[in-house]
Amino acid sequence: DIIRGKDLFIGYNEKDKEEKKQLQDSLKKIFKEIYDNLMKDVTKYKKNMAEAQERYNDTTNYYQLREDWWNANRQEIWKAMICKAPGNAQYFRNTCSNNTTETKSNCHCIDGTVPTNLDYVPQYLR
């Protein structure tokens, strides 16, 4: 949610709010750099450049680019987040994305994938 720009938690106090603002400002800078590099890469293909400019027309917060980046990288991010989870670690709802099998050791599904089924559940429901 933080990367996608959809984190609803603003903070408990002024320090939390300021840190949240700093984090979002940093993410905007990072995604501006990704955007600039993308535009450089597609300049030789006019059709691709026009499509990219239309898709990523928000050059303030880069929400669509952030969403696309998350979709492209979410499996690896989840793996990194849970790589050191204890063998007996469990989620509050320990089922994999298809809801038919439970997560096993280190919060992984049987096939080795990670349960990304919570990605789009609003934070207040997690």
N, C-alpha and C. Protein backbone atom coordinates (compact mmCIF):
# COMPACT_ATOMS: atom_id res chain seq x y z
N ASP A 1 0.82 -1.20 0.00
CA ASP A 1 0.00 0.00 0.00
C ASP A 1 0.86 1.26 0.00
N ILE A 2 1.95 1.21 0.73
CA ILE A 2 2.83 2.38 0.79
C ILE A 2 3.41 2.66 -0.59
N ILE A 3 3.91 1.64 -1.24
CA ILE A 3 4.51 1.83 -2.56
C ILE A 3 3.46 2.27 -3.57
N ARG A 4 2.29 1.67 -3.51
CA ARG A 4 1.23 2.01 -4.46
C ARG A 4 0.59 3.36 -4.15
N GLY A 5 0.96 3.99 -3.03
CA GLY A 5 0.39 5.28 -2.68
C GLY A 5 -1.01 5.19 -2.12
N LYS A 6 -1.35 4.03 -1.55
CA LYS A 6 -2.71 3.83 -1.05
C LYS A 6 -2.74 3.52 0.44
N ASP A 7 -1.68 3.85 1.13
CA ASP A 7 -1.60 3.61 2.57
C ASP A 7 -2.52 4.60 3.27
N LEU A 8 -3.47 4.08 4.03
CA LEU A 8 -4.46 4.94 4.68
C LEU A 8 -3.99 5.50 6.02
N PHE A 9 -2.96 4.90 6.61
CA PHE A 9 -2.51 5.33 7.92
C PHE A 9 -1.73 6.63 7.80
N ILE A 10 -2.22 7.67 8.43
CA ILE A 10 -1.56 8.97 8.36
C ILE A 10 -0.57 9.15 9.50
N GLY A 11 -0.85 8.56 10.63
CA GLY A 11 0.04 8.66 11.77
C GLY A 11 -0.72 9.02 13.02
N TYR A 12 -0.12 8.64 14.15
CA TYR A 12 -0.74 8.93 15.44
C TYR A 12 -0.43 10.33 15.92
N ASN A 13 0.72 10.83 15.55
CA ASN A 13 1.15 12.13 16.04
C ASN A 13 1.90 12.87 14.94
N GLU A 14 2.38 14.05 15.27
CA GLU A 14 3.07 14.88 14.27
C GLU A 14 4.33 14.21 13.73
N LYS A 15 5.06 13.51 14.60
CA LYS A 15 6.29 12.83 14.16
C LYS A 15 5.94 11.75 13.13
N ASP A 16 4.91 10.94 13.41
CA ASP A 16 4.46 9.92 12.46
C ASP A 16 4.06 10.56 11.13
N LYS A 17 3.32 11.64 11.21
CA LYS A 17 2.84 12.31 10.00
C LYS A 17 4.00 12.85 9.17
N GLU A 18 5.00 13.42 9.85
CA GLU A 18 6.16 13.96 9.15
C GLU A 18 6.97 12.84 8.50
N GLU A 19 7.15 11.74 9.22
CA GLU A 19 7.88 10.60 8.65
C GLU A 19 7.14 10.03 7.45
N LYS A 20 5.83 9.98 7.53
CA LYS A 20 5.02 9.49 6.41
C LYS A 20 5.18 10.40 5.20
N LYS A 21 5.18 11.70 5.44
CA LYS A 21 5.36 12.66 4.35
C LYS A 21 6.74 12.50 3.72
N GLN A 22 7.76 12.33 4.55
CA GLN A 22 9.12 12.14 4.03
C GLN A 22 9.20 10.87 3.18
N LEU A 23 8.57 9.81 3.65
CA LEU A 23 8.56 8.55 2.91
C LEU A 23 7.88 8.73 1.55
N GLN A 24 6.72 9.37 1.54
CA GLN A 24 6.01 9.59 0.28
C GLN A 24 6.81 10.49 -0.66
N ASP A 25 7.46 11.51 -0.11
CA ASP A 25 8.30 12.38 -0.94
C ASP A 25 9.46 11.59 -1.55
N SER A 26 10.05 10.71 -0.77
CA SER A 26 11.14 9.87 -1.28
C SER A 26 10.64 8.94 -2.38
N LEU A 27 9.48 8.35 -2.17
CA LEU A 27 8.92 7.46 -3.19
C LEU A 27 8.60 8.22 -4.48
N LYS A 28 8.11 9.44 -4.35
CA LYS A 28 7.84 10.25 -5.54
C LYS A 28 9.12 10.50 -6.32
N LYS A 29 10.22 10.78 -5.61
CA LYS A 29 11.51 11.00 -6.28
C LYS A 29 11.98 9.73 -6.98
N ILE A 30 11.84 8.61 -6.31
CA ILE A 30 12.25 7.33 -6.90
C ILE A 30 11.44 7.02 -8.15
N PHE A 31 10.12 7.20 -8.06
CA PHE A 31 9.28 6.89 -9.21
C PHE A 31 9.40 7.93 -10.32
N LYS A 32 9.81 9.15 -9.99
CA LYS A 32 10.12 10.13 -11.03
C LYS A 32 11.32 9.65 -11.82
N GLU A 33 12.32 9.14 -11.12
CA GLU A 33 13.52 8.62 -11.79
C GLU A 33 13.16 7.41 -12.67
N ILE A 34 12.33 6.52 -12.16
CA ILE A 34 11.88 5.37 -12.96
C ILE A 34 11.13 5.86 -14.19
N TYR A 35 10.26 6.85 -14.00
CA TYR A 35 9.49 7.42 -15.11
C TYR A 35 10.43 8.03 -16.15
N ASP A 36 11.38 8.84 -15.69
CA ASP A 36 12.32 9.49 -16.62
C ASP A 36 13.11 8.45 -17.41
N ASN A 37 13.56 7.39 -16.75
CA ASN A 37 14.30 6.33 -17.44
C ASN A 37 13.41 5.60 -18.44
N LEU A 38 12.16 5.36 -18.05
CA LEU A 38 11.21 4.72 -18.96
C LEU A 38 11.01 5.57 -20.21
N MET A 39 10.82 6.87 -20.03
CA MET A 39 10.60 7.75 -21.17
C MET A 39 11.84 7.80 -22.07
N LYS A 40 13.03 7.74 -21.49
CA LYS A 40 14.25 7.68 -22.30
C LYS A 40 14.29 6.40 -23.11
N ASP A 41 13.90 5.30 -22.48
CA ASP A 41 13.94 4.00 -23.15
C ASP A 41 12.96 3.90 -24.31
N VAL A 42 11.82 4.57 -24.21
CA VAL A 42 10.80 4.42 -25.26
C VAL A 42 10.85 5.53 -26.31
N THR A 43 11.81 6.44 -26.23
CA THR A 43 11.85 7.55 -27.19
C THR A 43 12.04 7.08 -28.62
N LYS A 44 12.71 5.96 -28.82
CA LYS A 44 12.94 5.49 -30.19
C LYS A 44 11.71 4.83 -30.80
N TYR A 45 10.70 4.58 -30.00
CA TYR A 45 9.46 3.97 -30.49
C TYR A 45 8.30 4.92 -30.22
N LYS A 46 7.97 5.72 -31.22
CA LYS A 46 6.97 6.78 -31.03
C LYS A 46 5.63 6.26 -30.49
N LYS A 47 5.17 5.12 -31.01
CA LYS A 47 3.89 4.57 -30.55
C LYS A 47 3.99 4.20 -29.08
N ASN A 48 5.06 3.52 -28.71
CA ASN A 48 5.25 3.13 -27.30
C ASN A 48 5.37 4.35 -26.40
N MET A 49 6.05 5.38 -26.89
CA MET A 49 6.21 6.59 -26.08
C MET A 49 4.86 7.26 -25.85
N ALA A 50 4.05 7.35 -26.89
CA ALA A 50 2.73 7.96 -26.75
C ALA A 50 1.87 7.16 -25.78
N GLU A 51 1.92 5.84 -25.89
CA GLU A 51 1.15 4.99 -24.98
C GLU A 51 1.63 5.14 -23.54
N ALA A 52 2.95 5.19 -23.36
CA ALA A 52 3.50 5.35 -22.01
C ALA A 52 3.13 6.71 -21.43
N GLN A 53 3.22 7.75 -22.24
CA GLN A 53 2.86 9.08 -21.74
C GLN A 53 1.38 9.15 -21.38
N GLU A 54 0.55 8.49 -22.16
CA GLU A 54 -0.89 8.49 -21.85
C GLU A 54 -1.16 7.68 -20.58
N ARG A 55 -0.53 6.52 -20.45
CA ARG A 55 -0.76 5.66 -19.29
C ARG A 55 -0.23 6.31 -18.01
N TYR A 56 0.92 6.94 -18.11
CA TYR A 56 1.57 7.51 -16.92
C TYR A 56 1.49 9.04 -16.95
N ASN A 57 0.32 9.57 -17.18
CA ASN A 57 0.16 11.03 -17.28
C ASN A 57 0.19 11.74 -15.94
N ASP A 58 0.13 11.00 -14.85
CA ASP A 58 0.24 11.60 -13.51
C ASP A 58 1.73 11.71 -13.18
N THR A 59 2.30 12.88 -13.42
CA THR A 59 3.72 13.06 -13.14
C THR A 59 3.94 13.82 -11.83
N THR A 60 2.99 13.70 -10.92
CA THR A 60 3.14 14.28 -9.59
C THR A 60 3.32 13.17 -8.56
N ASN A 61 2.39 12.22 -8.56
CA ASN A 61 2.44 11.13 -7.59
C ASN A 61 2.81 9.79 -8.22
N TYR A 62 2.67 9.68 -9.53
CA TYR A 62 3.04 8.46 -10.27
C TYR A 62 2.25 7.24 -9.80
N TYR A 63 0.98 7.41 -9.47
CA TYR A 63 0.19 6.30 -8.93
C TYR A 63 0.10 5.11 -9.89
N GLN A 64 -0.15 5.36 -11.18
CA GLN A 64 -0.27 4.24 -12.12
C GLN A 64 1.07 3.53 -12.28
N LEU A 65 2.15 4.27 -12.36
CA LEU A 65 3.48 3.66 -12.46
C LEU A 65 3.79 2.86 -11.21
N ARG A 66 3.43 3.38 -10.07
CA ARG A 66 3.65 2.66 -8.81
C ARG A 66 2.85 1.37 -8.78
N GLU A 67 1.61 1.44 -9.23
CA GLU A 67 0.76 0.24 -9.28
C GLU A 67 1.35 -0.80 -10.22
N ASP A 68 1.79 -0.36 -11.40
CA ASP A 68 2.38 -1.29 -12.37
C ASP A 68 3.69 -1.87 -11.84
N TRP A 69 4.49 -1.04 -11.18
CA TRP A 69 5.75 -1.52 -10.60
C TRP A 69 5.45 -2.59 -9.56
N TRP A 70 4.46 -2.34 -8.71
CA TRP A 70 4.10 -3.32 -7.69
C TRP A 70 3.65 -4.63 -8.33
N ASN A 71 2.81 -4.55 -9.35
CA ASN A 71 2.34 -5.77 -10.02
C ASN A 71 3.50 -6.56 -10.62
N ALA A 72 4.49 -5.86 -11.13
CA ALA A 72 5.64 -6.54 -11.74
C ALA A 72 6.59 -7.14 -10.70
N ASN A 73 6.61 -6.57 -9.49
CA ASN A 73 7.61 -6.97 -8.50
C ASN A 73 7.06 -7.58 -7.22
N ARG A 74 5.77 -7.69 -7.10
CA ARG A 74 5.17 -8.09 -5.82
C ARG A 74 5.60 -9.46 -5.34
N GLN A 75 5.76 -10.45 -6.22
CA GLN A 75 6.20 -11.77 -5.77
C GLN A 75 7.56 -11.69 -5.09
N GLU A 76 8.48 -10.95 -5.70
CA GLU A 76 9.83 -10.84 -5.13
C GLU A 76 9.82 -10.05 -3.83
N ILE A 77 8.99 -9.02 -3.75
CA ILE A 77 8.90 -8.23 -2.52
C ILE A 77 8.35 -9.09 -1.39
N TRP A 78 7.28 -9.85 -1.68
CA TRP A 78 6.72 -10.74 -0.66
C TRP A 78 7.75 -11.76 -0.20
N LYS A 79 8.49 -12.34 -1.15
CA LYS A 79 9.53 -13.31 -0.77
C LYS A 79 10.54 -12.67 0.17
N ALA A 80 10.95 -11.45 -0.15
CA ALA A 80 11.92 -10.76 0.70
C ALA A 80 11.34 -10.46 2.08
N MET A 81 10.07 -10.10 2.14
CA MET A 81 9.46 -9.77 3.43
C MET A 81 9.33 -10.97 4.34
N ILE A 82 9.11 -12.15 3.78
CA ILE A 82 8.87 -13.31 4.63
C ILE A 82 10.02 -14.31 4.64
N CYS A 83 11.16 -13.96 4.05
CA CYS A 83 12.25 -14.93 3.93
C CYS A 83 12.78 -15.38 5.28
N LYS A 84 12.70 -14.56 6.28
CA LYS A 84 13.20 -14.93 7.61
C LYS A 84 12.07 -15.24 8.59
N ALA A 85 10.89 -15.45 8.08
CA ALA A 85 9.77 -15.81 8.97
C ALA A 85 10.07 -17.16 9.61
N PRO A 86 9.80 -17.30 10.89
CA PRO A 86 10.04 -18.60 11.54
C PRO A 86 9.23 -19.70 10.87
N GLY A 87 9.71 -20.92 10.98
CA GLY A 87 9.03 -22.05 10.36
C GLY A 87 7.60 -22.22 10.81
N ASN A 88 7.29 -21.81 12.04
CA ASN A 88 5.93 -21.97 12.55
C ASN A 88 5.09 -20.69 12.42
N ALA A 89 5.58 -19.71 11.67
CA ALA A 89 4.86 -18.45 11.51
C ALA A 89 3.57 -18.67 10.73
N GLN A 90 2.54 -17.93 11.12
CA GLN A 90 1.25 -18.03 10.44
C GLN A 90 0.65 -16.65 10.27
N TYR A 91 -0.18 -16.52 9.24
CA TYR A 91 -0.97 -15.32 9.06
C TYR A 91 -2.25 -15.48 9.86
N PHE A 92 -2.95 -14.37 10.10
CA PHE A 92 -4.22 -14.49 10.82
C PHE A 92 -5.21 -15.33 10.01
N ARG A 93 -5.05 -15.33 8.72
CA ARG A 93 -5.84 -16.19 7.83
C ARG A 93 -4.82 -16.89 6.95
N ASN A 94 -4.45 -18.07 7.33
CA ASN A 94 -3.27 -18.70 6.73
C ASN A 94 -3.59 -19.55 5.51
N THR A 95 -4.35 -19.02 4.57
CA THR A 95 -4.60 -19.74 3.34
C THR A 95 -3.92 -19.05 2.18
N CYS A 96 -3.60 -19.84 1.18
CA CYS A 96 -2.98 -19.30 -0.02
C CYS A 96 -4.03 -18.62 -0.89
N SER A 97 -3.58 -18.06 -1.98
CA SER A 97 -4.44 -17.23 -2.82
C SER A 97 -5.72 -17.92 -3.27
N ASN A 98 -5.67 -19.22 -3.48
CA ASN A 98 -6.88 -19.90 -3.95
C ASN A 98 -7.76 -20.39 -2.80
N ASN A 99 -7.35 -20.10 -1.57
CA ASN A 99 -8.11 -20.43 -0.36
C ASN A 99 -8.37 -21.92 -0.15
N THR A 100 -7.61 -22.78 -0.81
CA THR A 100 -7.84 -24.22 -0.64
C THR A 100 -6.75 -24.90 0.17
N THR A 101 -5.59 -24.28 0.28
CA THR A 101 -4.50 -24.88 1.05
C THR A 101 -3.96 -23.88 2.04
N GLU A 102 -3.43 -24.38 3.13
CA GLU A 102 -2.84 -23.51 4.13
C GLU A 102 -1.40 -23.19 3.78
N THR A 103 -0.94 -22.05 4.27
CA THR A 103 0.48 -21.75 4.12
C THR A 103 1.26 -22.70 5.00
N LYS A 104 2.42 -23.05 4.54
CA LYS A 104 3.28 -23.98 5.28
C LYS A 104 4.43 -23.19 5.90
N SER A 105 5.55 -23.83 6.09
CA SER A 105 6.68 -23.20 6.78
C SER A 105 7.07 -21.87 6.14
N ASN A 106 7.46 -20.96 6.97
CA ASN A 106 7.88 -19.62 6.57
C ASN A 106 6.82 -18.86 5.78
N CYS A 107 5.56 -19.16 6.03
CA CYS A 107 4.44 -18.45 5.40
C CYS A 107 4.41 -18.60 3.88
N HIS A 108 4.94 -19.69 3.35
CA HIS A 108 4.89 -19.95 1.92
C HIS A 108 3.76 -20.94 1.61
N CYS A 109 3.27 -20.88 0.38
CA CYS A 109 2.31 -21.87 -0.08
C CYS A 109 3.06 -23.15 -0.43
N ILE A 110 2.35 -24.23 -0.58
CA ILE A 110 2.97 -25.53 -0.86
C ILE A 110 3.85 -25.47 -2.10
N ASP A 111 3.41 -24.76 -3.13
CA ASP A 111 4.18 -24.71 -4.37
C ASP A 111 5.34 -23.72 -4.31
N GLY A 112 5.60 -23.14 -3.13
CA GLY A 112 6.72 -22.22 -2.96
C GLY A 112 6.39 -20.77 -3.21
N THR A 113 5.19 -20.50 -3.71
CA THR A 113 4.81 -19.11 -3.93
C THR A 113 4.44 -18.47 -2.60
N VAL A 114 4.25 -17.19 -2.64
CA VAL A 114 3.87 -16.46 -1.42
C VAL A 114 2.41 -16.04 -1.53
N PRO A 115 1.72 -15.98 -0.40
CA PRO A 115 0.29 -15.64 -0.43
C PRO A 115 0.06 -14.14 -0.59
N THR A 116 -0.12 -13.72 -1.81
CA THR A 116 -0.33 -12.29 -2.08
C THR A 116 -1.81 -11.93 -2.07
N ASN A 117 -2.65 -12.84 -1.58
CA ASN A 117 -4.08 -12.58 -1.60
C ASN A 117 -4.49 -11.43 -0.68
N LEU A 118 -3.60 -10.95 0.16
CA LEU A 118 -3.94 -9.82 1.04
C LEU A 118 -3.53 -8.48 0.44
N ASP A 119 -2.91 -8.48 -0.72
CA ASP A 119 -2.42 -7.24 -1.33
C ASP A 119 -3.49 -6.17 -1.45
N TYR A 120 -4.68 -6.56 -1.85
CA TYR A 120 -5.70 -5.58 -2.17
C TYR A 120 -6.83 -5.53 -1.15
N VAL A 121 -6.62 -6.15 -0.01
CA VAL A 121 -7.58 -6.05 1.08
C VAL A 121 -7.31 -4.72 1.78
N PRO A 122 -8.32 -3.89 1.98
CA PRO A 122 -8.07 -2.62 2.67
C PRO A 122 -7.40 -2.85 4.02
N GLN A 123 -6.50 -1.96 4.38
CA GLN A 123 -5.69 -2.14 5.59
C GLN A 123 -6.54 -2.35 6.83
N TYR A 124 -7.62 -1.64 6.95
CA TYR A 124 -8.41 -1.75 8.18
C TYR A 124 -9.09 -3.11 8.30
N LEU A 125 -9.09 -3.91 7.24
CA LEU A 125 -9.67 -5.25 7.30
C LEU A 125 -8.62 -6.34 7.49
N ARG A 126 -7.35 -5.98 7.46
CA ARG A 126 -6.29 -6.98 7.60
C ARG A 126 -6.08 -7.33 9.05
